[in-house]
Amino acid sequence: MYVATWLDLATREIVGYSMADHHRAGLVVDALKMAAGRGQLKPGFIAHSDSEYVKYRMSRAS
């Protein structure tokens, strides 16, 4: 089982997460979509991921 989380560094709260049985980019993108769906992302937010493939997928999704 793999878990991806997005952490708000200002509040130290987890604003989005996703769980799956794989470690692919979709796992991280789904967690970001959860954060966006909950209204936790403010205009001008900065997101960081350690994966180049995830950065590519996120830029294509916007």
N, C-alpha and C. Protein backbone atom coordinates (compact mmCIF):
# COMPACT_ATOMS: atom_id res chain seq x y z
N MET A 1 0.84 -1.17 0.00
CA MET A 1 0.00 0.00 0.00
C MET A 1 0.89 1.24 0.00
N TYR A 2 0.57 2.19 -0.86
CA TYR A 2 1.30 3.45 -0.95
C TYR A 2 0.36 4.60 -0.60
N VAL A 3 0.91 5.63 0.02
CA VAL A 3 0.14 6.81 0.40
C VAL A 3 0.89 8.04 -0.09
N ALA A 4 0.18 8.95 -0.73
CA ALA A 4 0.74 10.24 -1.13
C ALA A 4 -0.02 11.32 -0.35
N THR A 5 0.69 12.30 0.15
CA THR A 5 0.06 13.39 0.89
C THR A 5 0.57 14.73 0.41
N TRP A 6 -0.26 15.75 0.55
CA TRP A 6 0.13 17.13 0.32
C TRP A 6 0.00 17.84 1.64
N LEU A 7 1.08 18.48 2.06
CA LEU A 7 1.16 19.13 3.35
C LEU A 7 1.22 20.65 3.17
N ASP A 8 0.36 21.36 3.89
CA ASP A 8 0.41 22.82 3.91
C ASP A 8 1.50 23.21 4.91
N LEU A 9 2.58 23.77 4.43
CA LEU A 9 3.71 24.09 5.30
C LEU A 9 3.40 25.22 6.28
N ALA A 10 2.43 26.07 5.96
CA ALA A 10 2.08 27.16 6.87
C ALA A 10 1.32 26.64 8.09
N THR A 11 0.40 25.70 7.86
CA THR A 11 -0.43 25.19 8.96
C THR A 11 0.00 23.82 9.44
N ARG A 12 0.88 23.16 8.67
CA ARG A 12 1.34 21.80 8.97
C ARG A 12 0.20 20.78 8.90
N GLU A 13 -0.84 21.09 8.15
CA GLU A 13 -1.98 20.19 7.98
C GLU A 13 -1.87 19.44 6.66
N ILE A 14 -2.32 18.20 6.65
CA ILE A 14 -2.42 17.44 5.40
C ILE A 14 -3.69 17.90 4.71
N VAL A 15 -3.54 18.47 3.52
CA VAL A 15 -4.69 19.02 2.80
C VAL A 15 -5.22 18.10 1.71
N GLY A 16 -4.46 17.06 1.37
CA GLY A 16 -4.91 16.08 0.39
C GLY A 16 -4.10 14.81 0.53
N TYR A 17 -4.75 13.68 0.26
CA TYR A 17 -4.04 12.40 0.32
C TYR A 17 -4.69 11.42 -0.63
N SER A 18 -3.95 10.38 -0.95
CA SER A 18 -4.44 9.32 -1.83
C SER A 18 -3.72 8.03 -1.47
N MET A 19 -4.43 6.91 -1.56
CA MET A 19 -3.84 5.60 -1.29
C MET A 19 -4.07 4.69 -2.49
N ALA A 20 -3.09 3.84 -2.77
CA ALA A 20 -3.21 2.91 -3.89
C ALA A 20 -2.22 1.76 -3.69
N ASP A 21 -2.38 0.74 -4.52
CA ASP A 21 -1.47 -0.40 -4.47
C ASP A 21 -0.33 -0.25 -5.47
N HIS A 22 -0.14 0.97 -5.98
CA HIS A 22 0.94 1.23 -6.93
C HIS A 22 1.64 2.54 -6.56
N HIS A 23 2.79 2.76 -7.15
CA HIS A 23 3.58 3.96 -6.88
C HIS A 23 3.80 4.70 -8.19
N ARG A 24 2.69 5.10 -8.82
CA ARG A 24 2.77 5.82 -10.09
C ARG A 24 2.35 7.27 -9.89
N ALA A 25 2.54 8.08 -10.90
CA ALA A 25 2.26 9.52 -10.80
C ALA A 25 0.80 9.81 -10.46
N GLY A 26 -0.10 8.98 -10.92
CA GLY A 26 -1.52 9.19 -10.65
C GLY A 26 -1.84 9.25 -9.16
N LEU A 27 -1.07 8.55 -8.37
CA LEU A 27 -1.27 8.56 -6.92
C LEU A 27 -1.08 9.98 -6.37
N VAL A 28 -0.03 10.64 -6.78
CA VAL A 28 0.27 12.00 -6.31
C VAL A 28 -0.70 13.01 -6.90
N VAL A 29 -1.03 12.85 -8.17
CA VAL A 29 -1.98 13.75 -8.82
C VAL A 29 -3.36 13.64 -8.17
N ASP A 30 -3.78 12.44 -7.82
CA ASP A 30 -5.07 12.26 -7.14
C ASP A 30 -5.09 12.96 -5.79
N ALA A 31 -3.99 12.92 -5.07
CA ALA A 31 -3.91 13.60 -3.78
C ALA A 31 -4.03 15.12 -3.97
N LEU A 32 -3.41 15.65 -5.02
CA LEU A 32 -3.51 17.08 -5.30
C LEU A 32 -4.94 17.45 -5.71
N LYS A 33 -5.58 16.59 -6.49
CA LYS A 33 -6.97 16.84 -6.86
C LYS A 33 -7.87 16.86 -5.63
N MET A 34 -7.59 16.01 -4.65
CA MET A 34 -8.37 16.01 -3.42
C MET A 34 -8.21 17.35 -2.70
N ALA A 35 -6.99 17.83 -2.60
CA ALA A 35 -6.75 19.12 -1.94
C ALA A 35 -7.49 20.24 -2.67
N ALA A 36 -7.46 20.21 -4.00
CA ALA A 36 -8.16 21.23 -4.78
C ALA A 36 -9.67 21.12 -4.59
N GLY A 37 -10.19 19.90 -4.57
CA GLY A 37 -11.62 19.67 -4.41
C GLY A 37 -12.15 20.10 -3.05
N ARG A 38 -11.30 20.07 -2.05
CA ARG A 38 -11.70 20.48 -0.71
C ARG A 38 -11.55 21.98 -0.51
N GLY A 39 -11.11 22.69 -1.55
CA GLY A 39 -10.92 24.13 -1.46
C GLY A 39 -9.71 24.52 -0.64
N GLN A 40 -8.74 23.62 -0.52
CA GLN A 40 -7.57 23.88 0.31
C GLN A 40 -6.43 24.57 -0.44
N LEU A 41 -6.56 24.74 -1.74
CA LEU A 41 -5.49 25.38 -2.52
C LEU A 41 -5.88 26.83 -2.80
N LYS A 42 -5.04 27.72 -2.40
CA LYS A 42 -5.28 29.15 -2.59
C LYS A 42 -4.62 29.59 -3.90
N PRO A 43 -5.12 30.67 -4.54
CA PRO A 43 -4.49 31.16 -5.76
C PRO A 43 -3.01 31.45 -5.53
N GLY A 44 -2.19 31.03 -6.48
CA GLY A 44 -0.75 31.25 -6.39
C GLY A 44 -0.02 30.23 -5.53
N PHE A 45 -0.69 29.12 -5.18
CA PHE A 45 -0.03 28.10 -4.37
C PHE A 45 1.19 27.53 -5.09
N ILE A 46 2.13 27.04 -4.34
CA ILE A 46 3.33 26.41 -4.89
C ILE A 46 3.32 24.95 -4.48
N ALA A 47 3.43 24.07 -5.45
CA ALA A 47 3.45 22.63 -5.18
C ALA A 47 4.83 22.08 -5.53
N HIS A 48 5.31 21.14 -4.73
CA HIS A 48 6.60 20.51 -4.99
C HIS A 48 6.43 19.00 -4.92
N SER A 49 7.02 18.33 -5.87
CA SER A 49 7.05 16.87 -5.88
C SER A 49 8.47 16.44 -6.22
N ASP A 50 8.88 15.30 -5.69
CA ASP A 50 10.22 14.80 -5.96
C ASP A 50 10.33 14.10 -7.32
N SER A 51 9.23 13.91 -8.00
CA SER A 51 9.22 13.14 -9.23
C SER A 51 9.08 14.05 -10.45
N GLU A 52 9.97 13.93 -11.41
CA GLU A 52 9.88 14.69 -12.66
C GLU A 52 8.63 14.28 -13.45
N TYR A 53 8.28 13.00 -13.43
CA TYR A 53 7.11 12.53 -14.17
C TYR A 53 5.85 13.16 -13.59
N VAL A 54 5.77 13.25 -12.27
CA VAL A 54 4.61 13.87 -11.63
C VAL A 54 4.53 15.34 -12.01
N LYS A 55 5.66 16.04 -12.03
CA LYS A 55 5.65 17.45 -12.43
C LYS A 55 5.12 17.60 -13.85
N TYR A 56 5.51 16.70 -14.73
CA TYR A 56 5.04 16.72 -16.11
C TYR A 56 3.53 16.49 -16.17
N ARG A 57 3.03 15.50 -15.43
CA ARG A 57 1.60 15.20 -15.42
C ARG A 57 0.79 16.35 -14.86
N MET A 58 1.29 16.99 -13.81
CA MET A 58 0.57 18.10 -13.20
C MET A 58 0.51 19.29 -14.14
N SER A 59 1.58 19.57 -14.86
CA SER A 59 1.59 20.71 -15.76
C SER A 59 0.65 20.46 -16.95
N ARG A 60 0.53 19.23 -17.37
CA ARG A 60 -0.38 18.91 -18.47
C ARG A 60 -1.84 18.96 -18.02
N ALA A 61 -2.10 18.69 -16.74
CA ALA A 61 -3.47 18.67 -16.22
C ALA A 61 -4.03 20.07 -16.08
N SER A 62 -3.18 21.09 -15.99
CA SER A 62 -3.70 22.45 -15.79
C SER A 62 -3.99 23.14 -17.11
